[in-house]
Amino acid sequence: MTKLTTNEARQGESGHHVRWILGVSLTLAILALAVLFGMTGS
């Protein structure tokens, strides 16, 4: 990864990273709930 200054990182990279992290965390949360409900259901 190319090292950027703090200003550049905040302006450009942070938006993509935040969206990516939110998407992954939401997916993992949904999967975790599905596994929990599946285990308790069966």
PDB file of N, CA and C in Angstrom:
ATOM      1  N   MET A   1       0.842  -1.198   0.000  1.00  0.00           N
ATOM      2  CA  MET A   1       0.000   0.000   0.000  1.00  0.00           C
ATOM      3  C   MET A   1       0.872   1.240   0.000  1.00  0.00           C
ATOM      4  N   THR A   2       0.447   2.255  -0.714  1.00  0.00           N
ATOM      5  CA  THR A   2       1.202   3.503  -0.754  1.00  0.00           C
ATOM      6  C   THR A   2       0.864   4.336   0.456  1.00  0.00           C
ATOM      7  N   LYS A   3       1.895   4.875   1.092  1.00  0.00           N
ATOM      8  CA  LYS A   3       1.660   5.693   2.280  1.00  0.00           C
ATOM      9  C   LYS A   3       1.239   7.098   1.862  1.00  0.00           C
ATOM     10  N   LEU A   4       0.140   7.564   2.432  1.00  0.00           N
ATOM     11  CA  LEU A   4      -0.355   8.902   2.131  1.00  0.00           C
ATOM     12  C   LEU A   4      -0.243   9.767   3.375  1.00  0.00           C
ATOM     13  N   THR A   5      -0.361  11.082   3.166  1.00  0.00           N
ATOM     14  CA  THR A   5      -0.399  11.976   4.317  1.00  0.00           C
ATOM     15  C   THR A   5      -1.746  11.821   5.011  1.00  0.00           C
ATOM     16  N   THR A   6      -1.843  12.295   6.240  1.00  0.00           N
ATOM     17  CA  THR A   6      -3.087  12.113   6.993  1.00  0.00           C
ATOM     18  C   THR A   6      -4.243  12.794   6.285  1.00  0.00           C
ATOM     19  N   ASN A   7      -4.006  13.958   5.699  1.00  0.00           N
ATOM     20  CA  ASN A   7      -5.080  14.674   5.008  1.00  0.00           C
ATOM     21  C   ASN A   7      -5.575  13.879   3.810  1.00  0.00           C
ATOM     22  N   GLU A   8      -4.675  13.368   2.997  1.00  0.00           N
ATOM     23  CA  GLU A   8      -5.069  12.591   1.822  1.00  0.00           C
ATOM     24  C   GLU A   8      -5.803  11.326   2.246  1.00  0.00           C
ATOM     25  N   ALA A   9      -5.318  10.685   3.295  1.00  0.00           N
ATOM     26  CA  ALA A   9      -5.953   9.458   3.759  1.00  0.00           C
ATOM     27  C   ALA A   9      -7.374   9.753   4.214  1.00  0.00           C
ATOM     28  N   ARG A  10      -7.549  10.857   4.935  1.00  0.00           N
ATOM     29  CA  ARG A  10      -8.885  11.188   5.435  1.00  0.00           C
ATOM     30  C   ARG A  10      -9.828  11.497   4.282  1.00  0.00           C
ATOM     31  N   GLN A  11      -9.347  12.227   3.294  1.00  0.00           N
ATOM     32  CA  GLN A  11     -10.230  12.653   2.210  1.00  0.00           C
ATOM     33  C   GLN A  11     -10.576  11.495   1.277  1.00  0.00           C
ATOM     34  N   GLY A  12      -9.566  10.752   0.838  1.00  0.00           N
ATOM     35  CA  GLY A  12      -9.809   9.765  -0.209  1.00  0.00           C
ATOM     36  C   GLY A  12     -10.078   8.372   0.311  1.00  0.00           C
ATOM     37  N   GLU A  13      -9.180   7.841   1.141  1.00  0.00           N
ATOM     38  CA  GLU A  13      -9.248   6.425   1.487  1.00  0.00           C
ATOM     39  C   GLU A  13     -10.314   6.122   2.531  1.00  0.00           C
ATOM     40  N   SER A  14     -10.517   7.034   3.468  1.00  0.00           N
ATOM     41  CA  SER A  14     -11.395   6.736   4.602  1.00  0.00           C
ATOM     42  C   SER A  14     -12.794   6.356   4.133  1.00  0.00           C
ATOM     43  N   GLY A  15     -13.315   7.031   3.127  1.00  0.00           N
ATOM     44  CA  GLY A  15     -14.669   6.749   2.654  1.00  0.00           C
ATOM     45  C   GLY A  15     -14.804   5.317   2.191  1.00  0.00           C
ATOM     46  N   HIS A  16     -13.861   4.856   1.370  1.00  0.00           N
ATOM     47  CA  HIS A  16     -13.927   3.487   0.855  1.00  0.00           C
ATOM     48  C   HIS A  16     -13.755   2.484   1.989  1.00  0.00           C
ATOM     49  N   HIS A  17     -12.809   2.745   2.894  1.00  0.00           N
ATOM     50  CA  HIS A  17     -12.551   1.810   3.982  1.00  0.00           C
ATOM     51  C   HIS A  17     -13.756   1.715   4.908  1.00  0.00           C
ATOM     52  N   VAL A  18     -14.393   2.852   5.188  1.00  0.00           N
ATOM     53  CA  VAL A  18     -15.547   2.845   6.082  1.00  0.00           C
ATOM     54  C   VAL A  18     -16.675   2.028   5.471  1.00  0.00           C
ATOM     55  N   ARG A  19     -16.939   2.247   4.173  1.00  0.00           N
ATOM     56  CA  ARG A  19     -18.003   1.483   3.511  1.00  0.00           C
ATOM     57  C   ARG A  19     -17.682   0.007   3.505  1.00  0.00           C
ATOM     58  N   TRP A  20     -16.418  -0.337   3.215  1.00  0.00           N
ATOM     59  CA  TRP A  20     -16.012  -1.744   3.143  1.00  0.00           C
ATOM     60  C   TRP A  20     -16.153  -2.408   4.509  1.00  0.00           C
ATOM     61  N   ILE A  21     -15.686  -1.713   5.552  1.00  0.00           N
ATOM     62  CA  ILE A  21     -15.757  -2.258   6.911  1.00  0.00           C
ATOM     63  C   ILE A  21     -17.206  -2.435   7.332  1.00  0.00           C
ATOM     64  N   LEU A  22     -18.048  -1.438   7.030  1.00  0.00           N
ATOM     65  CA  LEU A  22     -19.465  -1.541   7.390  1.00  0.00           C
ATOM     66  C   LEU A  22     -20.115  -2.706   6.668  1.00  0.00           C
ATOM     67  N   GLY A  23     -19.817  -2.855   5.394  1.00  0.00           N
ATOM     68  CA  GLY A  23     -20.397  -3.950   4.620  1.00  0.00           C
ATOM     69  C   GLY A  23     -19.977  -5.299   5.173  1.00  0.00           C
ATOM     70  N   VAL A  24     -18.699  -5.460   5.475  1.00  0.00           N
ATOM     71  CA  VAL A  24     -18.205  -6.733   5.990  1.00  0.00           C
ATOM     72  C   VAL A  24     -18.795  -7.017   7.368  1.00  0.00           C
ATOM     73  N   SER A  25     -18.844  -5.991   8.234  1.00  0.00           N
ATOM     74  CA  SER A  25     -19.366  -6.195   9.584  1.00  0.00           C
ATOM     75  C   SER A  25     -20.841  -6.567   9.535  1.00  0.00           C
ATOM     76  N   LEU A  26     -21.602  -5.913   8.635  1.00  0.00           N
ATOM     77  CA  LEU A  26     -23.019  -6.244   8.506  1.00  0.00           C
ATOM     78  C   LEU A  26     -23.184  -7.687   8.024  1.00  0.00           C
ATOM     79  N   THR A  27     -22.383  -8.077   7.028  1.00  0.00           N
ATOM     80  CA  THR A  27     -22.476  -9.438   6.509  1.00  0.00           C
ATOM     81  C   THR A  27     -22.131 -10.458   7.592  1.00  0.00           C
ATOM     82  N   LEU A  28     -21.070 -10.187   8.349  1.00  0.00           N
ATOM     83  CA  LEU A  28     -20.674 -11.114   9.410  1.00  0.00           C
ATOM     84  C   LEU A  28     -21.745 -11.183  10.484  1.00  0.00           C
ATOM     85  N   ALA A  29     -22.360 -10.040  10.819  1.00  0.00           N
ATOM     86  CA  ALA A  29     -23.410 -10.018  11.841  1.00  0.00           C
ATOM     87  C   ALA A  29     -24.600 -10.853  11.388  1.00  0.00           C
ATOM     88  N   ILE A  30     -24.996 -10.694  10.119  1.00  0.00           N
ATOM     89  CA  ILE A  30     -26.137 -11.447   9.592  1.00  0.00           C
ATOM     90  C   ILE A  30     -25.819 -12.942   9.582  1.00  0.00           C
ATOM     91  N   LEU A  31     -24.600 -13.292   9.164  1.00  0.00           N
ATOM     92  CA  LEU A  31     -24.210 -14.698   9.154  1.00  0.00           C
ATOM     93  C   LEU A  31     -24.197 -15.277  10.567  1.00  0.00           C
ATOM     94  N   ALA A  32     -23.686 -14.511  11.518  1.00  0.00           N
ATOM     95  CA  ALA A  32     -23.628 -14.975  12.903  1.00  0.00           C
ATOM     96  C   ALA A  32     -25.035 -15.213  13.438  1.00  0.00           C
ATOM     97  N   LEU A  33     -25.955 -14.281  13.157  1.00  0.00           N
ATOM     98  CA  LEU A  33     -27.342 -14.441  13.601  1.00  0.00           C
ATOM     99  C   LEU A  33     -27.972 -15.669  12.948  1.00  0.00           C
ATOM    100  N   ALA A  34     -27.713 -15.848  11.652  1.00  0.00           N
ATOM    101  CA  ALA A  34     -28.280 -16.991  10.939  1.00  0.00           C
ATOM    102  C   ALA A  34     -27.771 -18.297  11.557  1.00  0.00           C
ATOM    103  N   VAL A  35     -26.486 -18.367  11.877  1.00  0.00           N
ATOM    104  CA  VAL A  35     -25.917 -19.573  12.473  1.00  0.00           C
ATOM    105  C   VAL A  35     -26.524 -19.807  13.855  1.00  0.00           C
ATOM    106  N   LEU A  36     -26.645 -18.734  14.646  1.00  0.00           N
ATOM    107  CA  LEU A  36     -27.196 -18.878  15.994  1.00  0.00           C
ATOM    108  C   LEU A  36     -28.639 -19.365  15.923  1.00  0.00           C
ATOM    109  N   PHE A  37     -29.437 -18.726  15.069  1.00  0.00           N
ATOM    110  CA  PHE A  37     -30.847 -19.125  14.950  1.00  0.00           C
ATOM    111  C   PHE A  37     -30.949 -20.549  14.401  1.00  0.00           C
ATOM    112  N   GLY A  38     -30.065 -20.890  13.480  1.00  0.00           N
ATOM    113  CA  GLY A  38     -30.100 -22.233  12.906  1.00  0.00           C
ATOM    114  C   GLY A  38     -29.769 -23.277  13.956  1.00  0.00           C
ATOM    115  N   MET A  39     -28.790 -22.985  14.818  1.00  0.00           N
ATOM    116  CA  MET A  39     -28.402 -23.948  15.859  1.00  0.00           C
ATOM    117  C   MET A  39     -29.515 -24.083  16.897  1.00  0.00           C
ATOM    118  N   THR A  40     -30.084 -22.956  17.324  1.00  0.00           N
ATOM    119  CA  THR A  40     -31.128 -23.003  18.352  1.00  0.00           C
ATOM    120  C   THR A  40     -32.401 -23.597  17.770  1.00  0.00           C
ATOM    121  N   GLY A  41     -32.664 -23.317  16.473  1.00  0.00           N
ATOM    122  CA  GLY A  41     -33.877 -23.833  15.842  1.00  0.00           C
ATOM    123  C   GLY A  41     -33.849 -25.344  15.744  1.00  0.00           C
ATOM    124  N   SER A  42     -32.709 -25.896  15.391  1.00  0.00           N
ATOM    125  CA  SER A  42     -32.604 -27.339  15.241  1.00  0.00           C
ATOM    126  C   SER A  42     -32.310 -27.988  16.583  1.00  0.00           C
TER     127      SER A  42
END
